[in-house]
Amino acid sequence: MPIAVDLSGCSCASPRAGWCPCGTPCCLEVVGSVSCCVFGRGGERGCGAAWRASWAQAGLPRSLYEGGQPYISPALLLALRALMLVWIVVVWVMVWVAKPKNPDLESFTMQNYFLLFVYFALATVRSARAVRAGGTAGMLLGSALVPAAKAEEEESSVLDKLTLCLFEVELVNTQFVVLVFWALLWPLLSAGDDPGGEESPGDTIAGGFLNLSVHGLNMVFMLVDLFAGKLTLLPLHMWHGFVYAWLYLAWHFVWHALTGVWIYPILDTDLEVNPAAPVFYVAIPGMWLLLFALNVRLAKLARGSDEQQCKLCLCV
């Protein structure tokens, strides 16, 4: 199946056969990558093989901690992640103090804020290990952590893969949470309707702090991590976040069956109460896919045209 590829801003000119589905060049858009995977020749070129190959690429672990050098050293990346992690922990403490019996863990917002905590905890630990292994002085000067040849041979651990997976999911989900809250749920809150598990914005300083932290700063933190670390978003990995979103939708129906309450009234299937329900059920997944595609482009912009972008093979 012919696929249009975009080689602009990519410093490698030859395909990485075995890494990219159908042997296509490394700079490939989301639609092209997925269509090649689904409609390709199958077998060794199929989705499963391409997905497995995406985790075995040389240089993948290094991308988690090397920093956006020469401007962001690994030590500075570690400091940024540690500060953001502390902020997230403080927010969680305030949430539990404010609502000790029900911190809204059934909501998509708070579940993702928990995943945000897990991501920054893992990413901070990964950065700390790298800085400790490379020496603090060298890290502050922005020198390479390990020789290039050794970095090429470095293998991804299970925690490395989990960390990257959480980054890919949360980069998109935090933006999704912010857009849905301010565009769809905030009008309901302002009108006095309670959208289930969402915390109503209060007039107190603490309430405003928590509201902005889980519906704004979460997105800012992920974007800072993206550009500070020049991290990679692999198009074929869109299934991770998309599957999680649908699992949450299934949980939404389970919660309604158990409690009789819709966590988010915009997903109420009673057309008499919510006549726009069919629109929301189509528009929300479409919004998520659009955000993922835009973030793939954003990740390519963050990495620029450096060689590591091509070594990580953005088509899978």
C-alpha atoms as a PDB file:
ATOM      1  CA  MET A   1       0.000   0.000   0.000  1.00  0.00           C
ATOM      2  CA  PRO A   2       1.631   3.297  -1.003  1.00  0.00           C
ATOM      3  CA  ILE A   3       2.236   5.659   1.884  1.00  0.00           C
ATOM      4  CA  ALA A   4       3.345   9.272   1.727  1.00  0.00           C
ATOM      5  CA  VAL A   5       6.274   9.915   4.049  1.00  0.00           C
ATOM      6  CA  ASP A   6       7.680  13.139   5.364  1.00  0.00           C
ATOM      7  CA  LEU A   7      11.481  13.287   5.466  1.00  0.00           C
ATOM      8  CA  SER A   8      11.704  16.997   6.272  1.00  0.00           C
ATOM      9  CA  GLY A   9      13.859  17.762   9.281  1.00  0.00           C
ATOM     10  CA  CYS A  10      15.206  14.234   9.442  1.00  0.00           C
ATOM     11  CA  SER A  11      18.933  13.695   9.287  1.00  0.00           C
ATOM     12  CA  CYS A  12      18.881  10.063   8.265  1.00  0.00           C
ATOM     13  CA  ALA A  13      18.029   9.298   4.662  1.00  0.00           C
ATOM     14  CA  SER A  14      17.863   5.504   4.590  1.00  0.00           C
ATOM     15  CA  PRO A  15      15.125   3.221   5.948  1.00  0.00           C
ATOM     16  CA  ARG A  16      15.746   1.190   9.066  1.00  0.00           C
ATOM     17  CA  ALA A  17      14.454  -2.165   7.830  1.00  0.00           C
ATOM     18  CA  GLY A  18      13.271  -4.307  10.716  1.00  0.00           C
ATOM     19  CA  TRP A  19      12.589  -1.299  12.932  1.00  0.00           C
ATOM     20  CA  CYS A  20       9.951   0.417  10.863  1.00  0.00           C
ATOM     21  CA  PRO A  21       6.871  -1.427   9.555  1.00  0.00           C
ATOM     22  CA  CYS A  22       7.131  -2.169   5.850  1.00  0.00           C
ATOM     23  CA  GLY A  23      10.733  -0.898   5.889  1.00  0.00           C
ATOM     24  CA  THR A  24       9.627   2.714   5.593  1.00  0.00           C
ATOM     25  CA  PRO A  25      11.889   5.670   6.457  1.00  0.00           C
ATOM     26  CA  CYS A  26      12.020   6.872  10.033  1.00  0.00           C
ATOM     27  CA  CYS A  27       9.976  10.065   9.648  1.00  0.00           C
ATOM     28  CA  LEU A  28       6.395   8.920   9.165  1.00  0.00           C
ATOM     29  CA  GLU A  29       3.052  10.287  10.223  1.00  0.00           C
ATOM     30  CA  VAL A  30       0.631   8.501  12.555  1.00  0.00           C
ATOM     31  CA  VAL A  31      -1.906   7.579   9.884  1.00  0.00           C
ATOM     32  CA  GLY A  32       0.745   6.217   7.547  1.00  0.00           C
ATOM     33  CA  SER A  33       2.365   4.146  10.285  1.00  0.00           C
ATOM     34  CA  VAL A  34      -0.876   2.601  11.514  1.00  0.00           C
ATOM     35  CA  SER A  35      -2.269   1.988   8.015  1.00  0.00           C
ATOM     36  CA  CYS A  36       0.979   0.304   7.025  1.00  0.00           C
ATOM     37  CA  CYS A  37       0.805  -1.836  10.128  1.00  0.00           C
ATOM     38  CA  VAL A  38      -2.845  -2.801   9.615  1.00  0.00           C
ATOM     39  CA  PHE A  39      -2.911  -3.119   5.840  1.00  0.00           C
ATOM     40  CA  GLY A  40       0.713  -4.154   5.304  1.00  0.00           C
ATOM     41  CA  ARG A  41       2.018  -7.515   4.255  1.00  0.00           C
ATOM     42  CA  GLY A  42       1.382  -9.167   7.606  1.00  0.00           C
ATOM     43  CA  GLY A  43       3.619 -11.732   9.214  1.00  0.00           C
ATOM     44  CA  GLU A  44       6.952 -10.206  10.157  1.00  0.00           C
ATOM     45  CA  ARG A  45       5.642  -6.848   8.960  1.00  0.00           C
ATOM     46  CA  GLY A  46       2.505  -7.033  11.087  1.00  0.00           C
ATOM     47  CA  CYS A  47       1.397  -4.907  14.015  1.00  0.00           C
ATOM     48  CA  GLY A  48       2.713  -7.236  16.704  1.00  0.00           C
ATOM     49  CA  ALA A  49       6.218  -7.392  15.239  1.00  0.00           C
ATOM     50  CA  ALA A  50       6.353  -3.640  14.703  1.00  0.00           C
ATOM     51  CA  TRP A  51       5.157  -3.002  18.261  1.00  0.00           C
ATOM     52  CA  ARG A  52       7.750  -5.392  19.723  1.00  0.00           C
ATOM     53  CA  ALA A  53      10.499  -3.846  17.611  1.00  0.00           C
ATOM     54  CA  SER A  54       9.608  -0.398  18.917  1.00  0.00           C
ATOM     55  CA  TRP A  55      10.737  -1.433  22.415  1.00  0.00           C
ATOM     56  CA  ALA A  56      14.050  -2.879  21.234  1.00  0.00           C
ATOM     57  CA  GLN A  57      15.444   0.188  19.515  1.00  0.00           C
ATOM     58  CA  ALA A  58      18.961   1.324  20.292  1.00  0.00           C
ATOM     59  CA  GLY A  59      19.164   4.518  22.321  1.00  0.00           C
ATOM     60  CA  LEU A  60      15.652   4.242  23.786  1.00  0.00           C
ATOM     61  CA  PRO A  61      16.718   4.119  27.486  1.00  0.00           C
ATOM     62  CA  ARG A  62      19.092   7.040  26.955  1.00  0.00           C
ATOM     63  CA  SER A  63      16.251   9.201  25.664  1.00  0.00           C
ATOM     64  CA  LEU A  64      14.600   8.999  29.091  1.00  0.00           C
ATOM     65  CA  TYR A  65      17.359  10.847  30.927  1.00  0.00           C
ATOM     66  CA  GLU A  66      19.884  12.460  28.571  1.00  0.00           C
ATOM     67  CA  GLY A  67      18.153  15.847  28.587  1.00  0.00           C
ATOM     68  CA  GLY A  68      17.735  18.347  25.787  1.00  0.00           C
ATOM     69  CA  GLN A  69      21.439  19.110  25.525  1.00  0.00           C
ATOM     70  CA  PRO A  70      23.241  21.467  25.173  1.00  0.00           C
ATOM     71  CA  TYR A  71      20.592  23.629  26.876  1.00  0.00           C
ATOM     72  CA  ILE A  72      19.230  21.116  29.407  1.00  0.00           C
ATOM     73  CA  SER A  73      21.794  18.865  31.085  1.00  0.00           C
ATOM     74  CA  PRO A  74      20.779  15.543  32.654  1.00  0.00           C
ATOM     75  CA  ALA A  75      21.252  17.088  36.114  1.00  0.00           C
ATOM     76  CA  LEU A  76      18.954  20.007  35.291  1.00  0.00           C
ATOM     77  CA  LEU A  77      16.381  17.578  33.894  1.00  0.00           C
ATOM     78  CA  LEU A  78      16.612  15.658  37.170  1.00  0.00           C
ATOM     79  CA  ALA A  79      16.070  18.869  39.167  1.00  0.00           C
ATOM     80  CA  LEU A  80      13.028  19.841  37.078  1.00  0.00           C
ATOM     81  CA  ARG A  81      11.477  16.401  37.459  1.00  0.00           C
ATOM     82  CA  ALA A  82      12.116  16.340  41.206  1.00  0.00           C
ATOM     83  CA  LEU A  83      10.452  19.749  41.657  1.00  0.00           C
ATOM     84  CA  MET A  84       7.418  18.716  39.622  1.00  0.00           C
ATOM     85  CA  LEU A  85       7.204  15.452  41.570  1.00  0.00           C
ATOM     86  CA  VAL A  86       7.212  17.353  44.881  1.00  0.00           C
ATOM     87  CA  TRP A  87       4.434  19.620  43.587  1.00  0.00           C
ATOM     88  CA  ILE A  88       2.323  16.599  42.605  1.00  0.00           C
ATOM     89  CA  VAL A  89       2.851  14.973  46.015  1.00  0.00           C
ATOM     90  CA  VAL A  90       1.771  18.199  47.763  1.00  0.00           C
ATOM     91  CA  VAL A  91      -1.381  18.291  45.627  1.00  0.00           C
ATOM     92  CA  TRP A  92      -2.189  14.689  46.526  1.00  0.00           C
ATOM     93  CA  VAL A  93      -1.743  15.420  50.225  1.00  0.00           C
ATOM     94  CA  MET A  94      -4.116  18.389  49.937  1.00  0.00           C
ATOM     95  CA  VAL A  95      -6.666  16.262  48.053  1.00  0.00           C
ATOM     96  CA  TRP A  96      -6.626  13.570  50.745  1.00  0.00           C
ATOM     97  CA  VAL A  97      -6.919  16.181  53.501  1.00  0.00           C
ATOM     98  CA  ALA A  98      -9.829  17.896  51.745  1.00  0.00           C
ATOM     99  CA  LYS A  99     -11.675  14.666  50.894  1.00  0.00           C
ATOM    100  CA  PRO A 100     -10.260  11.825  53.046  1.00  0.00           C
ATOM    101  CA  LYS A 101     -13.196   9.470  52.417  1.00  0.00           C
ATOM    102  CA  ASN A 102     -13.591  10.025  48.677  1.00  0.00           C
ATOM    103  CA  PRO A 103     -10.742  11.740  46.776  1.00  0.00           C
ATOM    104  CA  ASP A 104     -12.636  11.221  43.480  1.00  0.00           C
ATOM    105  CA  LEU A 105     -10.455   8.300  42.379  1.00  0.00           C
ATOM    106  CA  GLU A 106     -13.331   7.115  40.184  1.00  0.00           C
ATOM    107  CA  SER A 107     -12.878  10.153  37.927  1.00  0.00           C
ATOM    108  CA  PHE A 108     -10.702  10.207  34.821  1.00  0.00           C
ATOM    109  CA  THR A 109      -8.999  13.358  36.125  1.00  0.00           C
ATOM    110  CA  MET A 110      -7.789  11.893  39.403  1.00  0.00           C
ATOM    111  CA  GLN A 111      -6.857   8.537  37.916  1.00  0.00           C
ATOM    112  CA  ASN A 112      -4.646  10.365  35.452  1.00  0.00           C
ATOM    113  CA  TYR A 113      -3.213  12.538  38.208  1.00  0.00           C
ATOM    114  CA  PHE A 114      -2.188   9.325  39.969  1.00  0.00           C
ATOM    115  CA  LEU A 115      -0.548   8.087  36.746  1.00  0.00           C
ATOM    116  CA  LEU A 116       1.170  11.478  36.507  1.00  0.00           C
ATOM    117  CA  PHE A 117       2.634  10.879  39.975  1.00  0.00           C
ATOM    118  CA  VAL A 118       3.821   7.397  38.980  1.00  0.00           C
ATOM    119  CA  TYR A 119       5.428   8.729  35.782  1.00  0.00           C
ATOM    120  CA  PHE A 120       7.368  11.528  37.469  1.00  0.00           C
ATOM    121  CA  ALA A 121       8.435   9.186  40.281  1.00  0.00           C
ATOM    122  CA  LEU A 122       9.870   6.698  37.752  1.00  0.00           C
ATOM    123  CA  ALA A 123      11.372   9.408  35.531  1.00  0.00           C
ATOM    124  CA  THR A 124      13.019  11.104  38.523  1.00  0.00           C
ATOM    125  CA  VAL A 125      14.527   7.823  39.683  1.00  0.00           C
ATOM    126  CA  ARG A 126      15.787   7.106  36.144  1.00  0.00           C
ATOM    127  CA  SER A 127      17.384  10.550  35.915  1.00  0.00           C
ATOM    128  CA  ALA A 128      18.941  10.192  39.385  1.00  0.00           C
ATOM    129  CA  ARG A 129      20.490   6.841  38.491  1.00  0.00           C
ATOM    130  CA  ALA A 130      21.932   8.290  35.302  1.00  0.00           C
ATOM    131  CA  VAL A 131      23.375  11.385  36.996  1.00  0.00           C
ATOM    132  CA  ARG A 132      24.887   9.265  39.766  1.00  0.00           C
ATOM    133  CA  ALA A 133      26.484   6.925  37.231  1.00  0.00           C
ATOM    134  CA  GLY A 134      27.860   9.779  35.104  1.00  0.00           C
ATOM    135  CA  GLY A 135      29.102  12.056  37.858  1.00  0.00           C
ATOM    136  CA  THR A 136      27.413  15.267  38.981  1.00  0.00           C
ATOM    137  CA  ALA A 137      30.096  17.621  37.683  1.00  0.00           C
ATOM    138  CA  GLY A 138      29.921  16.181  34.200  1.00  0.00           C
ATOM    139  CA  MET A 139      26.152  16.283  34.261  1.00  0.00           C
ATOM    140  CA  LEU A 140      26.053  19.961  35.193  1.00  0.00           C
ATOM    141  CA  LEU A 141      28.360  20.751  32.311  1.00  0.00           C
ATOM    142  CA  GLY A 142      26.060  18.912  29.942  1.00  0.00           C
ATOM    143  CA  SER A 143      28.569  16.253  28.947  1.00  0.00           C
ATOM    144  CA  ALA A 144      27.409  12.910  27.575  1.00  0.00           C
ATOM    145  CA  LEU A 145      26.443  10.318  30.164  1.00  0.00           C
ATOM    146  CA  VAL A 146      27.931   7.366  28.364  1.00  0.00           C
ATOM    147  CA  PRO A 147      30.017   6.919  25.220  1.00  0.00           C
ATOM    148  CA  ALA A 148      27.931   6.790  22.050  1.00  0.00           C
ATOM    149  CA  ALA A 149      28.952   3.221  21.285  1.00  0.00           C
ATOM    150  CA  LYS A 150      27.858   2.045  24.725  1.00  0.00           C
ATOM    151  CA  ALA A 151      24.591   3.971  24.456  1.00  0.00           C
ATOM    152  CA  GLU A 152      23.822   2.141  21.228  1.00  0.00           C
ATOM    153  CA  GLU A 153      24.121  -1.188  23.066  1.00  0.00           C
ATOM    154  CA  GLU A 154      22.086  -0.152  26.109  1.00  0.00           C
ATOM    155  CA  GLU A 155      18.945  -2.228  26.514  1.00  0.00           C
ATOM    156  CA  SER A 156      15.564  -1.079  27.763  1.00  0.00           C
ATOM    157  CA  SER A 157      14.570  -2.455  31.148  1.00  0.00           C
ATOM    158  CA  VAL A 158      10.970  -3.171  32.109  1.00  0.00           C
ATOM    159  CA  LEU A 159      10.886   0.072  34.116  1.00  0.00           C
ATOM    160  CA  ASP A 160      12.282   2.002  31.125  1.00  0.00           C
ATOM    161  CA  LYS A 161       9.466   0.666  28.958  1.00  0.00           C
ATOM    162  CA  LEU A 162       6.861   1.424  31.622  1.00  0.00           C
ATOM    163  CA  THR A 163       8.224   4.952  32.051  1.00  0.00           C
ATOM    164  CA  LEU A 164       8.091   5.689  28.324  1.00  0.00           C
ATOM    165  CA  CYS A 165       4.606   4.167  28.071  1.00  0.00           C
ATOM    166  CA  LEU A 166       3.352   6.368  30.913  1.00  0.00           C
ATOM    167  CA  PHE A 167       4.938   9.422  29.291  1.00  0.00           C
ATOM    168  CA  GLU A 168       3.169   8.713  25.991  1.00  0.00           C
ATOM    169  CA  VAL A 169      -0.171   8.171  27.728  1.00  0.00           C
ATOM    170  CA  GLU A 170       0.032  11.135  30.101  1.00  0.00           C
ATOM    171  CA  LEU A 171       1.350  13.626  27.554  1.00  0.00           C
ATOM    172  CA  VAL A 172      -1.919  13.268  25.655  1.00  0.00           C
ATOM    173  CA  ASN A 173      -4.263  12.554  28.578  1.00  0.00           C
ATOM    174  CA  THR A 174      -3.288  15.657  30.544  1.00  0.00           C
ATOM    175  CA  GLN A 175      -4.119  17.829  27.532  1.00  0.00           C
ATOM    176  CA  PHE A 176      -7.334  15.878  27.043  1.00  0.00           C
ATOM    177  CA  VAL A 177      -8.343  16.425  30.685  1.00  0.00           C
ATOM    178  CA  VAL A 178      -7.657  20.171  30.466  1.00  0.00           C
ATOM    179  CA  LEU A 179      -9.585  20.627  27.217  1.00  0.00           C
ATOM    180  CA  VAL A 180     -12.606  18.567  28.270  1.00  0.00           C
ATOM    181  CA  PHE A 181     -12.803  20.204  31.693  1.00  0.00           C
ATOM    182  CA  TRP A 182     -12.596  23.818  30.567  1.00  0.00           C
ATOM    183  CA  ALA A 183     -14.585  23.383  27.341  1.00  0.00           C
ATOM    184  CA  LEU A 184     -17.327  20.990  28.505  1.00  0.00           C
ATOM    185  CA  LEU A 185     -17.408  20.571  32.283  1.00  0.00           C
ATOM    186  CA  TRP A 186     -16.611  24.099  33.457  1.00  0.00           C
ATOM    187  CA  PRO A 187     -19.841  25.496  31.921  1.00  0.00           C
ATOM    188  CA  LEU A 188     -21.810  22.869  33.901  1.00  0.00           C
ATOM    189  CA  LEU A 189     -20.005  23.768  37.107  1.00  0.00           C
ATOM    190  CA  SER A 190     -20.527  27.473  36.521  1.00  0.00           C
ATOM    191  CA  ALA A 191     -24.242  26.814  35.995  1.00  0.00           C
ATOM    192  CA  GLY A 192     -24.411  24.963  39.305  1.00  0.00           C
ATOM    193  CA  ASP A 193     -24.639  21.403  37.917  1.00  0.00           C
ATOM    194  CA  ASP A 194     -22.407  18.833  39.606  1.00  0.00           C
ATOM    195  CA  PRO A 195     -20.618  16.638  37.011  1.00  0.00           C
ATOM    196  CA  GLY A 196     -20.249  13.627  39.244  1.00  0.00           C
ATOM    197  CA  GLY A 197     -16.718  12.970  40.393  1.00  0.00           C
ATOM    198  CA  GLU A 198     -15.292  16.359  39.435  1.00  0.00           C
ATOM    199  CA  GLU A 199     -14.411  18.650  42.306  1.00  0.00           C
ATOM    200  CA  SER A 200     -16.482  21.829  42.113  1.00  0.00           C
ATOM    201  CA  PRO A 201     -14.312  24.936  41.925  1.00  0.00           C
ATOM    202  CA  GLY A 202     -14.416  26.712  45.261  1.00  0.00           C
ATOM    203  CA  ASP A 203     -13.849  30.283  46.236  1.00  0.00           C
ATOM    204  CA  THR A 204     -11.001  29.358  48.582  1.00  0.00           C
ATOM    205  CA  ILE A 205      -7.334  29.673  47.689  1.00  0.00           C
ATOM    206  CA  ALA A 206      -6.842  25.949  48.357  1.00  0.00           C
ATOM    207  CA  GLY A 207      -9.755  25.040  46.074  1.00  0.00           C
ATOM    208  CA  GLY A 208      -8.422  27.205  43.278  1.00  0.00           C
ATOM    209  CA  PHE A 209      -4.909  25.760  43.731  1.00  0.00           C
ATOM    210  CA  LEU A 210      -6.156  22.180  43.481  1.00  0.00           C
ATOM    211  CA  ASN A 211      -8.393  22.963  40.519  1.00  0.00           C
ATOM    212  CA  LEU A 212      -5.581  24.568  38.518  1.00  0.00           C
ATOM    213  CA  SER A 213      -3.130  21.840  39.522  1.00  0.00           C
ATOM    214  CA  VAL A 214      -5.250  18.962  38.212  1.00  0.00           C
ATOM    215  CA  HIS A 215      -6.805  20.880  35.295  1.00  0.00           C
ATOM    216  CA  GLY A 216      -3.889  22.929  34.005  1.00  0.00           C
ATOM    217  CA  LEU A 217      -0.489  22.497  35.610  1.00  0.00           C
ATOM    218  CA  ASN A 218      -0.597  18.755  34.924  1.00  0.00           C
ATOM    219  CA  MET A 219      -0.499  19.555  31.192  1.00  0.00           C
ATOM    220  CA  VAL A 220       2.242  22.165  31.695  1.00  0.00           C
ATOM    221  CA  PHE A 221       4.398  19.653  33.587  1.00  0.00           C
ATOM    222  CA  MET A 222       4.199  17.099  30.778  1.00  0.00           C
ATOM    223  CA  LEU A 223       5.021  19.702  28.122  1.00  0.00           C
ATOM    224  CA  VAL A 224       8.003  20.902  30.172  1.00  0.00           C
ATOM    225  CA  ASP A 225       9.214  17.306  30.458  1.00  0.00           C
ATOM    226  CA  LEU A 226       8.749  16.796  26.719  1.00  0.00           C
ATOM    227  CA  PHE A 227      10.850  19.795  25.702  1.00  0.00           C
ATOM    228  CA  ALA A 228      13.380  19.610  28.552  1.00  0.00           C
ATOM    229  CA  GLY A 229      14.104  15.968  27.826  1.00  0.00           C
ATOM    230  CA  LYS A 230      13.483  15.990  24.063  1.00  0.00           C
ATOM    231  CA  LEU A 231      11.439  12.866  24.620  1.00  0.00           C
ATOM    232  CA  THR A 232       9.944  10.727  21.883  1.00  0.00           C
ATOM    233  CA  LEU A 233       6.315   9.882  21.138  1.00  0.00           C
ATOM    234  CA  LEU A 234       6.082   6.726  19.034  1.00  0.00           C
ATOM    235  CA  PRO A 235       3.027   6.820  16.728  1.00  0.00           C
ATOM    236  CA  LEU A 236       2.285   3.095  16.881  1.00  0.00           C
ATOM    237  CA  HIS A 237       2.082   3.427  20.683  1.00  0.00           C
ATOM    238  CA  MET A 238      -1.122   5.412  20.398  1.00  0.00           C
ATOM    239  CA  TRP A 239      -2.896   2.147  21.222  1.00  0.00           C
ATOM    240  CA  HIS A 240      -1.668   2.362  24.841  1.00  0.00           C
ATOM    241  CA  GLY A 241      -3.564   5.533  25.677  1.00  0.00           C
ATOM    242  CA  PHE A 242      -6.487   4.766  23.381  1.00  0.00           C
ATOM    243  CA  VAL A 243      -7.085   1.350  24.979  1.00  0.00           C
ATOM    244  CA  TYR A 244      -6.831   2.910  28.450  1.00  0.00           C
ATOM    245  CA  ALA A 245      -9.416   5.535  27.488  1.00  0.00           C
ATOM    246  CA  TRP A 246     -11.859   2.845  26.360  1.00  0.00           C
ATOM    247  CA  LEU A 247     -11.215   0.812  29.521  1.00  0.00           C
ATOM    248  CA  TYR A 248     -12.096   3.893  31.515  1.00  0.00           C
ATOM    249  CA  LEU A 249     -15.294   4.270  29.500  1.00  0.00           C
ATOM    250  CA  ALA A 250     -16.172   0.676  30.420  1.00  0.00           C
ATOM    251  CA  TRP A 251     -15.447   1.528  34.075  1.00  0.00           C
ATOM    252  CA  HIS A 252     -17.737   4.538  33.696  1.00  0.00           C
ATOM    253  CA  PHE A 253     -20.625   2.198  32.833  1.00  0.00           C
ATOM    254  CA  VAL A 254     -19.708  -0.183  35.677  1.00  0.00           C
ATOM    255  CA  TRP A 255     -19.747   2.732  38.138  1.00  0.00           C
ATOM    256  CA  HIS A 256     -23.157   3.810  36.871  1.00  0.00           C
ATOM    257  CA  ALA A 257     -24.504   0.261  37.206  1.00  0.00           C
ATOM    258  CA  LEU A 258     -23.240   0.062  40.802  1.00  0.00           C
ATOM    259  CA  THR A 259     -24.205   3.536  42.019  1.00  0.00           C
ATOM    260  CA  GLY A 260     -26.814   4.839  39.565  1.00  0.00           C
ATOM    261  CA  VAL A 261     -24.633   7.946  39.096  1.00  0.00           C
ATOM    262  CA  TRP A 262     -22.874   9.105  35.926  1.00  0.00           C
ATOM    263  CA  ILE A 263     -19.392  10.332  36.826  1.00  0.00           C
ATOM    264  CA  TYR A 264     -19.630  12.720  33.887  1.00  0.00           C
ATOM    265  CA  PRO A 265     -23.205  13.730  32.915  1.00  0.00           C
ATOM    266  CA  ILE A 266     -22.070  14.467  29.351  1.00  0.00           C
ATOM    267  CA  LEU A 267     -21.808  10.669  28.940  1.00  0.00           C
ATOM    268  CA  ASP A 268     -25.327   9.999  30.240  1.00  0.00           C
ATOM    269  CA  THR A 269     -26.965   7.761  27.613  1.00  0.00           C
ATOM    270  CA  ASP A 270     -30.491   8.960  28.442  1.00  0.00           C
ATOM    271  CA  LEU A 271     -31.261  11.102  25.398  1.00  0.00           C
ATOM    272  CA  GLU A 272     -34.082  12.883  27.205  1.00  0.00           C
ATOM    273  CA  VAL A 273     -31.624  14.141  29.815  1.00  0.00           C
ATOM    274  CA  ASN A 274     -28.582  14.418  27.539  1.00  0.00           C
ATOM    275  CA  PRO A 275     -29.670  14.716  23.885  1.00  0.00           C
ATOM    276  CA  ALA A 276     -26.090  15.474  22.800  1.00  0.00           C
ATOM    277  CA  ALA A 277     -24.790  12.108  24.079  1.00  0.00           C
ATOM    278  CA  PRO A 278     -24.176  10.613  20.578  1.00  0.00           C
ATOM    279  CA  VAL A 279     -22.146  13.689  19.642  1.00  0.00           C
ATOM    280  CA  PHE A 280     -19.978  13.381  22.761  1.00  0.00           C
ATOM    281  CA  TYR A 281     -19.380   9.655  22.223  1.00  0.00           C
ATOM    282  CA  VAL A 282     -18.030  10.384  18.735  1.00  0.00           C
ATOM    283  CA  ALA A 283     -16.312  13.708  19.395  1.00  0.00           C
ATOM    284  CA  ILE A 284     -14.383  12.717  22.526  1.00  0.00           C
ATOM    285  CA  PRO A 285     -12.470   9.740  20.987  1.00  0.00           C
ATOM    286  CA  GLY A 286     -11.889  11.865  17.885  1.00  0.00           C
ATOM    287  CA  MET A 287     -10.474  14.661  20.053  1.00  0.00           C
ATOM    288  CA  TRP A 288      -8.115  12.201  21.751  1.00  0.00           C
ATOM    289  CA  LEU A 289      -6.793  10.868  18.412  1.00  0.00           C
ATOM    290  CA  LEU A 290      -6.329  14.394  17.100  1.00  0.00           C
ATOM    291  CA  LEU A 291      -4.383  15.352  20.225  1.00  0.00           C
ATOM    292  CA  PHE A 292      -2.136  12.305  19.828  1.00  0.00           C
ATOM    293  CA  ALA A 293      -1.389  13.149  16.189  1.00  0.00           C
ATOM    294  CA  LEU A 294      -0.609  16.763  17.122  1.00  0.00           C
ATOM    295  CA  ASN A 295       1.693  15.610  19.914  1.00  0.00           C
ATOM    296  CA  VAL A 296       3.634  13.365  17.546  1.00  0.00           C
ATOM    297  CA  ARG A 297       4.402  16.480  15.530  1.00  0.00           C
ATOM    298  CA  LEU A 298       5.173  18.367  18.746  1.00  0.00           C
ATOM    299  CA  ALA A 299       7.622  15.659  19.838  1.00  0.00           C
ATOM    300  CA  LYS A 300       9.376  15.858  16.464  1.00  0.00           C
ATOM    301  CA  LEU A 301       9.595  19.629  16.916  1.00  0.00           C
ATOM    302  CA  ALA A 302      11.046  19.162  20.411  1.00  0.00           C
ATOM    303  CA  ARG A 303      13.745  16.805  19.158  1.00  0.00           C
ATOM    304  CA  GLY A 304      14.470  18.903  16.092  1.00  0.00           C
ATOM    305  CA  SER A 305      16.516  17.209  13.383  1.00  0.00           C
ATOM    306  CA  ASP A 306      19.040  15.516  15.668  1.00  0.00           C
ATOM    307  CA  GLU A 307      20.323  12.078  14.838  1.00  0.00           C
ATOM    308  CA  GLN A 308      18.780  10.529  17.925  1.00  0.00           C
ATOM    309  CA  GLN A 309      15.311  11.247  16.515  1.00  0.00           C
ATOM    310  CA  CYS A 310      16.053   8.942  13.619  1.00  0.00           C
ATOM    311  CA  LYS A 311      17.766   6.349  15.752  1.00  0.00           C
ATOM    312  CA  LEU A 312      14.554   6.093  17.738  1.00  0.00           C
ATOM    313  CA  CYS A 313      12.606   5.572  14.516  1.00  0.00           C
ATOM    314  CA  LEU A 314       9.480   7.647  15.007  1.00  0.00           C
ATOM    315  CA  CYS A 315       7.394   5.545  12.642  1.00  0.00           C
ATOM    316  CA  VAL A 316       6.844   2.782  15.216  1.00  0.00           C
END
